[in-house]
Amino acid sequence: MSSQVTVRVAQEIVSHEAIVREAYLDSVGVWTWSVGITNSSGHTVFPRYKDNPQTIRRCLEVFEWVLRKTYVPAVAETFDGSALTEEQFGAALSFHYNTGGIRRATWVKRWKAGDIAAARTTFMNWSRPPAIIPRRRKERDLFFDGVWSSDGTTTVFPVRKPSYQPDWGGAENVDIGPVLEDLLGLSDGPPVAEV
Protein backbone atom coordinates (compact mmCIF):
# COMPACT_ATOMS: atom_id res chain seq x y z
CA MET A 1 0.00 0.00 0.00
CA SER A 2 1.20 3.47 -0.80
CA SER A 3 1.14 5.60 2.32
CA GLN A 4 3.49 8.30 1.11
CA VAL A 5 2.41 11.93 1.24
CA THR A 6 3.50 13.03 -2.22
CA VAL A 7 3.35 16.53 -3.64
CA ARG A 8 0.17 15.63 -5.56
CA VAL A 9 -1.49 14.16 -2.47
CA ALA A 10 -0.66 17.25 -0.38
CA GLN A 11 -1.77 19.61 -3.16
CA GLU A 12 -5.08 17.80 -3.47
CA ILE A 13 -5.88 18.11 0.24
CA VAL A 14 -4.74 21.73 0.48
CA SER A 15 -6.83 22.66 -2.57
CA HIS A 16 -9.94 21.48 -0.70
CA GLU A 17 -9.01 23.31 2.51
CA ALA A 18 -7.19 26.57 1.57
CA ILE A 19 -4.55 28.28 3.72
CA VAL A 20 -5.03 30.99 6.34
CA ARG A 21 -1.66 32.25 7.59
CA GLU A 22 -2.83 33.39 11.05
CA ALA A 23 -5.36 32.03 13.55
CA TYR A 24 -9.01 32.58 12.73
CA LEU A 25 -12.36 31.45 14.08
CA ASP A 26 -13.97 28.79 11.93
CA SER A 27 -17.71 28.51 11.25
CA VAL A 28 -18.34 26.93 14.67
CA GLY A 29 -16.02 29.24 16.64
CA VAL A 30 -12.92 27.01 16.85
CA TRP A 31 -9.51 28.67 16.53
CA THR A 32 -8.01 27.33 13.32
CA TRP A 33 -4.83 28.03 11.34
CA SER A 34 -2.94 27.04 8.21
CA VAL A 35 -4.66 24.17 6.39
CA GLY A 36 -7.56 23.65 8.80
CA ILE A 37 -5.33 22.86 11.80
CA THR A 38 -6.76 23.24 15.32
CA ASN A 39 -5.33 22.69 18.81
CA SER A 40 -6.83 19.18 18.75
CA SER A 41 -4.38 18.23 15.97
CA GLY A 42 -1.53 18.06 18.47
CA HIS A 43 -0.14 21.43 17.41
CA THR A 44 -0.95 24.54 19.44
CA VAL A 45 -2.78 27.03 17.23
CA PHE A 46 -4.29 29.42 19.79
CA PRO A 47 -2.89 31.67 21.10
CA ARG A 48 0.33 30.99 19.13
CA TYR A 49 -0.91 32.28 15.75
CA LYS A 50 -3.46 34.90 16.80
CA ASP A 51 -2.27 38.16 15.18
CA ASN A 52 0.90 36.26 14.22
CA PRO A 53 0.85 35.40 10.49
CA GLN A 54 3.31 32.78 9.31
CA THR A 55 4.88 32.09 5.95
CA ILE A 56 3.18 29.72 3.57
CA ARG A 57 6.19 27.45 4.01
CA ARG A 58 5.64 27.26 7.79
CA CYS A 59 1.92 26.63 7.28
CA LEU A 60 2.67 23.73 4.93
CA GLU A 61 5.49 22.40 7.11
CA VAL A 62 3.15 21.99 10.08
CA PHE A 63 0.36 20.67 7.84
CA GLU A 64 2.69 17.94 6.53
CA TRP A 65 3.75 17.11 10.10
CA VAL A 66 0.10 16.83 11.22
CA LEU A 67 -0.67 14.55 8.27
CA ARG A 68 2.25 12.23 9.11
CA LYS A 69 1.62 12.25 12.86
CA THR A 70 -2.14 11.82 12.96
CA TYR A 71 -3.84 11.10 9.65
CA VAL A 72 -1.49 8.86 7.65
CA PRO A 73 -1.26 6.21 10.42
CA ALA A 74 -5.07 5.95 10.66
CA VAL A 75 -5.45 5.52 6.91
CA ALA A 76 -2.60 2.98 6.74
CA GLU A 77 -4.08 1.00 9.63
CA THR A 78 -7.59 1.04 8.14
CA PHE A 79 -6.39 -0.21 4.74
CA ASP A 80 -3.77 -2.61 6.15
CA GLY A 81 -3.28 -5.45 3.72
CA SER A 82 -4.79 -3.55 0.79
CA ALA A 83 -2.76 -2.24 -2.10
CA LEU A 84 -3.68 1.41 -2.67
CA THR A 85 -2.60 3.53 -5.59
CA GLU A 86 -1.35 7.07 -5.00
CA GLU A 87 -4.79 8.31 -6.08
CA GLN A 88 -6.63 6.01 -3.66
CA PHE A 89 -4.34 6.90 -0.79
CA GLY A 90 -4.71 10.62 -1.56
CA ALA A 91 -8.50 10.38 -1.66
CA ALA A 92 -8.70 8.35 1.55
CA LEU A 93 -6.31 10.74 3.33
CA SER A 94 -8.30 13.78 2.17
CA PHE A 95 -11.54 12.12 3.31
CA HIS A 96 -10.07 11.34 6.72
CA TYR A 97 -8.51 14.80 7.12
CA ASN A 98 -11.96 16.30 6.57
CA THR A 99 -14.16 13.82 8.43
CA GLY A 100 -11.96 11.96 10.91
CA GLY A 101 -14.14 8.98 9.98
CA ILE A 102 -11.98 6.62 7.92
CA ARG A 103 -12.19 3.80 10.50
CA ARG A 104 -15.99 3.77 10.60
CA ALA A 105 -16.79 4.60 6.97
CA THR A 106 -19.05 2.05 5.31
CA TRP A 107 -17.51 2.77 1.91
CA VAL A 108 -14.15 1.50 3.17
CA LYS A 109 -15.67 -1.74 4.45
CA ARG A 110 -17.50 -2.27 1.14
CA TRP A 111 -14.36 -1.55 -0.89
CA LYS A 112 -12.27 -3.96 1.20
CA ALA A 113 -14.97 -6.61 0.70
CA GLY A 114 -14.72 -6.13 -3.08
CA ASP A 115 -18.13 -4.49 -3.53
CA ILE A 116 -16.87 -1.52 -5.54
CA ALA A 117 -20.30 -0.33 -6.71
CA ALA A 118 -21.62 -0.16 -3.13
CA ALA A 119 -18.39 1.49 -1.94
CA ARG A 120 -18.70 4.17 -4.61
CA THR A 121 -22.33 4.84 -3.65
CA THR A 122 -21.78 4.89 0.12
CA PHE A 123 -18.80 7.24 -0.24
CA MET A 124 -21.38 9.98 -0.72
CA ASN A 125 -23.07 9.16 2.61
CA TRP A 126 -20.59 11.67 4.10
CA SER A 127 -22.21 14.72 2.49
CA ARG A 128 -23.19 16.96 5.37
CA PRO A 129 -23.28 19.90 5.37
CA PRO A 130 -24.37 20.23 1.72
CA ALA A 131 -21.45 22.59 1.03
CA ILE A 132 -19.10 19.58 1.36
CA ILE A 133 -20.70 17.68 -1.56
CA PRO A 134 -18.33 19.03 -4.27
CA ARG A 135 -15.31 17.99 -2.20
CA ARG A 136 -16.77 14.55 -1.51
CA ARG A 137 -17.42 14.03 -5.24
CA LYS A 138 -13.82 14.97 -6.04
CA GLU A 139 -12.51 12.54 -3.40
CA ARG A 140 -14.79 9.79 -4.73
CA ASP A 141 -13.68 10.42 -8.30
CA LEU A 142 -10.03 10.38 -7.24
CA PHE A 143 -10.41 7.13 -5.30
CA PHE A 144 -12.47 5.21 -7.87
CA ASP A 145 -11.47 6.84 -11.18
CA GLY A 146 -8.00 8.28 -10.52
CA VAL A 147 -9.07 11.84 -11.39
CA TRP A 148 -7.01 14.53 -9.64
CA SER A 149 -8.83 17.84 -9.15
CA SER A 150 -5.99 20.11 -7.99
CA ASP A 151 -4.01 22.22 -10.43
CA GLY A 152 -1.29 22.80 -7.83
CA THR A 153 -2.63 26.11 -6.59
CA THR A 154 -4.58 26.90 -3.47
CA THR A 155 -6.48 29.86 -2.11
CA VAL A 156 -4.83 31.88 0.65
CA PHE A 157 -7.19 33.98 2.78
CA PRO A 158 -6.30 36.90 5.04
CA VAL A 159 -8.06 37.33 8.40
CA ARG A 160 -10.60 40.11 8.93
CA LYS A 161 -10.48 41.79 12.31
CA PRO A 162 -11.93 42.22 14.87
CA SER A 163 -14.15 39.23 13.90
CA TYR A 164 -11.19 36.92 13.17
CA GLN A 165 -13.06 35.41 10.24
CA PRO A 166 -11.42 34.63 6.90
CA ASP A 167 -11.70 37.57 4.51
CA TRP A 168 -13.28 35.91 1.46
CA GLY A 169 -12.86 39.08 -0.61
CA GLY A 170 -9.11 39.29 0.01
CA ALA A 171 -8.25 35.83 -1.28
CA GLU A 172 -5.38 35.10 -3.63
CA ASN A 173 -4.40 31.94 -5.50
CA VAL A 174 -0.89 30.67 -4.83
CA ASP A 175 1.16 27.90 -6.48
CA ILE A 176 2.26 25.74 -3.54
CA GLY A 177 4.05 23.11 -5.63
CA PRO A 178 7.60 24.48 -5.21
CA VAL A 179 7.25 24.74 -1.41
CA LEU A 180 5.81 21.23 -1.15
CA GLU A 181 8.51 19.80 -3.42
CA ASP A 182 11.15 21.32 -1.16
CA LEU A 183 9.46 20.18 2.07
CA LEU A 184 8.69 16.66 0.90
CA GLY A 185 12.15 16.31 -0.59
CA LEU A 186 13.48 16.83 2.93
CA SER A 187 11.18 14.20 4.43
CA ASP A 188 14.09 11.78 4.94
CA GLY A 189 16.00 14.42 6.90
CA PRO A 190 15.57 15.45 10.50
CA PRO A 191 11.98 15.69 11.75
CA VAL A 192 10.28 19.05 11.99
CA ALA A 193 11.23 20.76 15.23
CA GLU A 194 8.68 20.73 18.06
CA VAL A 195 5.52 21.92 16.50
C-alpha atoms as a PDB file:
ATOM      1  CA  MET A   1       0.000   0.000   0.000  1.00  0.00           C
ATOM      2  CA  SER A   2       1.196   3.468  -0.804  1.00  0.00           C
ATOM      3  CA  SER A   3       1.143   5.604   2.323  1.00  0.00           C
ATOM      4  CA  GLN A   4       3.490   8.304   1.113  1.00  0.00           C
ATOM      5  CA  VAL A   5       2.414  11.929   1.235  1.00  0.00           C
ATOM      6  CA  THR A   6       3.498  13.026  -2.217  1.00  0.00           C
ATOM      7  CA  VAL A   7       3.351  16.535  -3.642  1.00  0.00           C
ATOM      8  CA  ARG A   8       0.168  15.628  -5.561  1.00  0.00           C
ATOM      9  CA  VAL A   9      -1.488  14.161  -2.467  1.00  0.00           C
ATOM     10  CA  ALA A  10      -0.664  17.251  -0.382  1.00  0.00           C
ATOM     11  CA  GLN A  11      -1.769  19.614  -3.161  1.00  0.00           C
ATOM     12  CA  GLU A  12      -5.084  17.798  -3.470  1.00  0.00           C
ATOM     13  CA  ILE A  13      -5.884  18.108   0.236  1.00  0.00           C
ATOM     14  CA  VAL A  14      -4.741  21.731   0.482  1.00  0.00           C
ATOM     15  CA  SER A  15      -6.828  22.658  -2.566  1.00  0.00           C
ATOM     16  CA  HIS A  16      -9.942  21.483  -0.702  1.00  0.00           C
ATOM     17  CA  GLU A  17      -9.015  23.311   2.509  1.00  0.00           C
ATOM     18  CA  ALA A  18      -7.187  26.569   1.567  1.00  0.00           C
ATOM     19  CA  ILE A  19      -4.551  28.275   3.724  1.00  0.00           C
ATOM     20  CA  VAL A  20      -5.025  30.986   6.337  1.00  0.00           C
ATOM     21  CA  ARG A  21      -1.660  32.249   7.594  1.00  0.00           C
ATOM     22  CA  GLU A  22      -2.827  33.388  11.052  1.00  0.00           C
ATOM     23  CA  ALA A  23      -5.359  32.034  13.550  1.00  0.00           C
ATOM     24  CA  TYR A  24      -9.015  32.583  12.730  1.00  0.00           C
ATOM     25  CA  LEU A  25     -12.364  31.448  14.085  1.00  0.00           C
ATOM     26  CA  ASP A  26     -13.973  28.792  11.929  1.00  0.00           C
ATOM     27  CA  SER A  27     -17.712  28.509  11.253  1.00  0.00           C
ATOM     28  CA  VAL A  28     -18.341  26.931  14.675  1.00  0.00           C
ATOM     29  CA  GLY A  29     -16.021  29.243  16.636  1.00  0.00           C
ATOM     30  CA  VAL A  30     -12.918  27.012  16.850  1.00  0.00           C
ATOM     31  CA  TRP A  31      -9.510  28.674  16.530  1.00  0.00           C
ATOM     32  CA  THR A  32      -8.008  27.334  13.317  1.00  0.00           C
ATOM     33  CA  TRP A  33      -4.830  28.027  11.342  1.00  0.00           C
ATOM     34  CA  SER A  34      -2.937  27.041   8.214  1.00  0.00           C
ATOM     35  CA  VAL A  35      -4.657  24.165   6.385  1.00  0.00           C
ATOM     36  CA  GLY A  36      -7.560  23.653   8.801  1.00  0.00           C
ATOM     37  CA  ILE A  37      -5.325  22.864  11.803  1.00  0.00           C
ATOM     38  CA  THR A  38      -6.760  23.243  15.321  1.00  0.00           C
ATOM     39  CA  ASN A  39      -5.332  22.686  18.809  1.00  0.00           C
ATOM     40  CA  SER A  40      -6.825  19.178  18.748  1.00  0.00           C
ATOM     41  CA  SER A  41      -4.379  18.226  15.968  1.00  0.00           C
ATOM     42  CA  GLY A  42      -1.532  18.065  18.470  1.00  0.00           C
ATOM     43  CA  HIS A  43      -0.139  21.433  17.408  1.00  0.00           C
ATOM     44  CA  THR A  44      -0.953  24.539  19.445  1.00  0.00           C
ATOM     45  CA  VAL A  45      -2.784  27.034  17.232  1.00  0.00           C
ATOM     46  CA  PHE A  46      -4.285  29.423  19.789  1.00  0.00           C
ATOM     47  CA  PRO A  47      -2.895  31.665  21.097  1.00  0.00           C
ATOM     48  CA  ARG A  48       0.325  30.988  19.127  1.00  0.00           C
ATOM     49  CA  TYR A  49      -0.915  32.277  15.750  1.00  0.00           C
ATOM     50  CA  LYS A  50      -3.462  34.897  16.795  1.00  0.00           C
ATOM     51  CA  ASP A  51      -2.266  38.155  15.185  1.00  0.00           C
ATOM     52  CA  ASN A  52       0.902  36.263  14.218  1.00  0.00           C
ATOM     53  CA  PRO A  53       0.854  35.404  10.493  1.00  0.00           C
ATOM     54  CA  GLN A  54       3.306  32.776   9.310  1.00  0.00           C
ATOM     55  CA  THR A  55       4.877  32.092   5.946  1.00  0.00           C
ATOM     56  CA  ILE A  56       3.182  29.719   3.565  1.00  0.00           C
ATOM     57  CA  ARG A  57       6.195  27.452   4.010  1.00  0.00           C
ATOM     58  CA  ARG A  58       5.635  27.262   7.794  1.00  0.00           C
ATOM     59  CA  CYS A  59       1.915  26.629   7.279  1.00  0.00           C
ATOM     60  CA  LEU A  60       2.673  23.735   4.934  1.00  0.00           C
ATOM     61  CA  GLU A  61       5.492  22.404   7.110  1.00  0.00           C
ATOM     62  CA  VAL A  62       3.149  21.993  10.082  1.00  0.00           C
ATOM     63  CA  PHE A  63       0.359  20.668   7.839  1.00  0.00           C
ATOM     64  CA  GLU A  64       2.692  17.938   6.531  1.00  0.00           C
ATOM     65  CA  TRP A  65       3.746  17.109  10.104  1.00  0.00           C
ATOM     66  CA  VAL A  66       0.097  16.828  11.224  1.00  0.00           C
ATOM     67  CA  LEU A  67      -0.666  14.549   8.272  1.00  0.00           C
ATOM     68  CA  ARG A  68       2.252  12.232   9.110  1.00  0.00           C
ATOM     69  CA  LYS A  69       1.620  12.249  12.861  1.00  0.00           C
ATOM     70  CA  THR A  70      -2.139  11.821  12.956  1.00  0.00           C
ATOM     71  CA  TYR A  71      -3.837  11.097   9.653  1.00  0.00           C
ATOM     72  CA  VAL A  72      -1.492   8.856   7.645  1.00  0.00           C
ATOM     73  CA  PRO A  73      -1.264   6.207  10.421  1.00  0.00           C
ATOM     74  CA  ALA A  74      -5.066   5.951  10.665  1.00  0.00           C
ATOM     75  CA  VAL A  75      -5.454   5.516   6.909  1.00  0.00           C
ATOM     76  CA  ALA A  76      -2.598   2.980   6.743  1.00  0.00           C
ATOM     77  CA  GLU A  77      -4.084   0.997   9.629  1.00  0.00           C
ATOM     78  CA  THR A  78      -7.587   1.035   8.137  1.00  0.00           C
ATOM     79  CA  PHE A  79      -6.393  -0.206   4.739  1.00  0.00           C
ATOM     80  CA  ASP A  80      -3.774  -2.614   6.148  1.00  0.00           C
ATOM     81  CA  GLY A  81      -3.276  -5.455   3.717  1.00  0.00           C
ATOM     82  CA  SER A  82      -4.792  -3.553   0.786  1.00  0.00           C
ATOM     83  CA  ALA A  83      -2.759  -2.241  -2.105  1.00  0.00           C
ATOM     84  CA  LEU A  84      -3.679   1.406  -2.674  1.00  0.00           C
ATOM     85  CA  THR A  85      -2.601   3.533  -5.595  1.00  0.00           C
ATOM     86  CA  GLU A  86      -1.349   7.071  -5.000  1.00  0.00           C
ATOM     87  CA  GLU A  87      -4.794   8.305  -6.082  1.00  0.00           C
ATOM     88  CA  GLN A  88      -6.628   6.008  -3.657  1.00  0.00           C
ATOM     89  CA  PHE A  89      -4.337   6.903  -0.794  1.00  0.00           C
ATOM     90  CA  GLY A  90      -4.708  10.623  -1.561  1.00  0.00           C
ATOM     91  CA  ALA A  91      -8.498  10.383  -1.661  1.00  0.00           C
ATOM     92  CA  ALA A  92      -8.698   8.348   1.548  1.00  0.00           C
ATOM     93  CA  LEU A  93      -6.308  10.737   3.333  1.00  0.00           C
ATOM     94  CA  SER A  94      -8.298  13.783   2.175  1.00  0.00           C
ATOM     95  CA  PHE A  95     -11.540  12.120   3.313  1.00  0.00           C
ATOM     96  CA  HIS A  96     -10.068  11.344   6.723  1.00  0.00           C
ATOM     97  CA  TYR A  97      -8.506  14.803   7.122  1.00  0.00           C
ATOM     98  CA  ASN A  98     -11.961  16.300   6.566  1.00  0.00           C
ATOM     99  CA  THR A  99     -14.163  13.820   8.429  1.00  0.00           C
ATOM    100  CA  GLY A 100     -11.965  11.956  10.906  1.00  0.00           C
ATOM    101  CA  GLY A 101     -14.138   8.976   9.982  1.00  0.00           C
ATOM    102  CA  ILE A 102     -11.976   6.617   7.925  1.00  0.00           C
ATOM    103  CA  ARG A 103     -12.193   3.803  10.502  1.00  0.00           C
ATOM    104  CA  ARG A 104     -15.988   3.771  10.596  1.00  0.00           C
ATOM    105  CA  ALA A 105     -16.793   4.605   6.967  1.00  0.00           C
ATOM    106  CA  THR A 106     -19.054   2.048   5.311  1.00  0.00           C
ATOM    107  CA  TRP A 107     -17.512   2.771   1.911  1.00  0.00           C
ATOM    108  CA  VAL A 108     -14.145   1.497   3.166  1.00  0.00           C
ATOM    109  CA  LYS A 109     -15.669  -1.736   4.451  1.00  0.00           C
ATOM    110  CA  ARG A 110     -17.502  -2.269   1.137  1.00  0.00           C
ATOM    111  CA  TRP A 111     -14.357  -1.552  -0.895  1.00  0.00           C
ATOM    112  CA  LYS A 112     -12.266  -3.961   1.196  1.00  0.00           C
ATOM    113  CA  ALA A 113     -14.967  -6.613   0.696  1.00  0.00           C
ATOM    114  CA  GLY A 114     -14.721  -6.127  -3.075  1.00  0.00           C
ATOM    115  CA  ASP A 115     -18.133  -4.490  -3.530  1.00  0.00           C
ATOM    116  CA  ILE A 116     -16.873  -1.524  -5.544  1.00  0.00           C
ATOM    117  CA  ALA A 117     -20.300  -0.325  -6.713  1.00  0.00           C
ATOM    118  CA  ALA A 118     -21.615  -0.161  -3.126  1.00  0.00           C
ATOM    119  CA  ALA A 119     -18.387   1.486  -1.943  1.00  0.00           C
ATOM    120  CA  ARG A 120     -18.701   4.165  -4.609  1.00  0.00           C
ATOM    121  CA  THR A 121     -22.327   4.835  -3.649  1.00  0.00           C
ATOM    122  CA  THR A 122     -21.779   4.885   0.121  1.00  0.00           C
ATOM    123  CA  PHE A 123     -18.797   7.235  -0.241  1.00  0.00           C
ATOM    124  CA  MET A 124     -21.378   9.979  -0.721  1.00  0.00           C
ATOM    125  CA  ASN A 125     -23.067   9.164   2.615  1.00  0.00           C
ATOM    126  CA  TRP A 126     -20.590  11.672   4.097  1.00  0.00           C
ATOM    127  CA  SER A 127     -22.209  14.718   2.485  1.00  0.00           C
ATOM    128  CA  ARG A 128     -23.188  16.963   5.371  1.00  0.00           C
ATOM    129  CA  PRO A 129     -23.281  19.904   5.372  1.00  0.00           C
ATOM    130  CA  PRO A 130     -24.373  20.225   1.722  1.00  0.00           C
ATOM    131  CA  ALA A 131     -21.448  22.588   1.034  1.00  0.00           C
ATOM    132  CA  ILE A 132     -19.103  19.579   1.357  1.00  0.00           C
ATOM    133  CA  ILE A 133     -20.698  17.677  -1.562  1.00  0.00           C
ATOM    134  CA  PRO A 134     -18.328  19.032  -4.268  1.00  0.00           C
ATOM    135  CA  ARG A 135     -15.312  17.985  -2.203  1.00  0.00           C
ATOM    136  CA  ARG A 136     -16.768  14.546  -1.506  1.00  0.00           C
ATOM    137  CA  ARG A 137     -17.416  14.029  -5.238  1.00  0.00           C
ATOM    138  CA  LYS A 138     -13.823  14.973  -6.041  1.00  0.00           C
ATOM    139  CA  GLU A 139     -12.511  12.544  -3.399  1.00  0.00           C
ATOM    140  CA  ARG A 140     -14.791   9.787  -4.727  1.00  0.00           C
ATOM    141  CA  ASP A 141     -13.684  10.418  -8.301  1.00  0.00           C
ATOM    142  CA  LEU A 142     -10.032  10.379  -7.242  1.00  0.00           C
ATOM    143  CA  PHE A 143     -10.411   7.129  -5.302  1.00  0.00           C
ATOM    144  CA  PHE A 144     -12.466   5.211  -7.873  1.00  0.00           C
ATOM    145  CA  ASP A 145     -11.466   6.844 -11.180  1.00  0.00           C
ATOM    146  CA  GLY A 146      -8.003   8.283 -10.521  1.00  0.00           C
ATOM    147  CA  VAL A 147      -9.071  11.837 -11.392  1.00  0.00           C
ATOM    148  CA  TRP A 148      -7.006  14.529  -9.638  1.00  0.00           C
ATOM    149  CA  SER A 149      -8.825  17.842  -9.153  1.00  0.00           C
ATOM    150  CA  SER A 150      -5.994  20.112  -7.992  1.00  0.00           C
ATOM    151  CA  ASP A 151      -4.011  22.219 -10.435  1.00  0.00           C
ATOM    152  CA  GLY A 152      -1.293  22.797  -7.826  1.00  0.00           C
ATOM    153  CA  THR A 153      -2.631  26.105  -6.594  1.00  0.00           C
ATOM    154  CA  THR A 154      -4.582  26.904  -3.473  1.00  0.00           C
ATOM    155  CA  THR A 155      -6.478  29.860  -2.107  1.00  0.00           C
ATOM    156  CA  VAL A 156      -4.833  31.881   0.651  1.00  0.00           C
ATOM    157  CA  PHE A 157      -7.186  33.975   2.780  1.00  0.00           C
ATOM    158  CA  PRO A 158      -6.295  36.895   5.042  1.00  0.00           C
ATOM    159  CA  VAL A 159      -8.059  37.333   8.396  1.00  0.00           C
ATOM    160  CA  ARG A 160     -10.596  40.112   8.929  1.00  0.00           C
ATOM    161  CA  LYS A 161     -10.484  41.787  12.311  1.00  0.00           C
ATOM    162  CA  PRO A 162     -11.933  42.215  14.869  1.00  0.00           C
ATOM    163  CA  SER A 163     -14.150  39.234  13.902  1.00  0.00           C
ATOM    164  CA  TYR A 164     -11.186  36.923  13.171  1.00  0.00           C
ATOM    165  CA  GLN A 165     -13.057  35.414  10.242  1.00  0.00           C
ATOM    166  CA  PRO A 166     -11.425  34.627   6.904  1.00  0.00           C
ATOM    167  CA  ASP A 167     -11.698  37.569   4.508  1.00  0.00           C
ATOM    168  CA  TRP A 168     -13.281  35.915   1.464  1.00  0.00           C
ATOM    169  CA  GLY A 169     -12.856  39.082  -0.608  1.00  0.00           C
ATOM    170  CA  GLY A 170      -9.113  39.294   0.006  1.00  0.00           C
ATOM    171  CA  ALA A 171      -8.250  35.826  -1.283  1.00  0.00           C
ATOM    172  CA  GLU A 172      -5.381  35.100  -3.633  1.00  0.00           C
ATOM    173  CA  ASN A 173      -4.401  31.939  -5.502  1.00  0.00           C
ATOM    174  CA  VAL A 174      -0.889  30.673  -4.832  1.00  0.00           C
ATOM    175  CA  ASP A 175       1.155  27.903  -6.483  1.00  0.00           C
ATOM    176  CA  ILE A 176       2.258  25.742  -3.542  1.00  0.00           C
ATOM    177  CA  GLY A 177       4.047  23.113  -5.630  1.00  0.00           C
ATOM    178  CA  PRO A 178       7.601  24.477  -5.208  1.00  0.00           C
ATOM    179  CA  VAL A 179       7.249  24.744  -1.413  1.00  0.00           C
ATOM    180  CA  LEU A 180       5.814  21.229  -1.151  1.00  0.00           C
ATOM    181  CA  GLU A 181       8.509  19.803  -3.424  1.00  0.00           C
ATOM    182  CA  ASP A 182      11.146  21.321  -1.156  1.00  0.00           C
ATOM    183  CA  LEU A 183       9.462  20.177   2.069  1.00  0.00           C
ATOM    184  CA  LEU A 184       8.695  16.657   0.899  1.00  0.00           C
ATOM    185  CA  GLY A 185      12.152  16.306  -0.591  1.00  0.00           C
ATOM    186  CA  LEU A 186      13.482  16.832   2.935  1.00  0.00           C
ATOM    187  CA  SER A 187      11.175  14.197   4.425  1.00  0.00           C
ATOM    188  CA  ASP A 188      14.088  11.776   4.938  1.00  0.00           C
ATOM    189  CA  GLY A 189      16.002  14.425   6.903  1.00  0.00           C
ATOM    190  CA  PRO A 190      15.568  15.447  10.501  1.00  0.00           C
ATOM    191  CA  PRO A 191      11.980  15.692  11.754  1.00  0.00           C
ATOM    192  CA  VAL A 192      10.284  19.051  11.988  1.00  0.00           C
ATOM    193  CA  ALA A 193      11.233  20.762  15.235  1.00  0.00           C
ATOM    194  CA  GLU A 194       8.675  20.726  18.063  1.00  0.00           C
ATOM    195  CA  VAL A 195       5.522  21.920  16.502  1.00  0.00           C
END
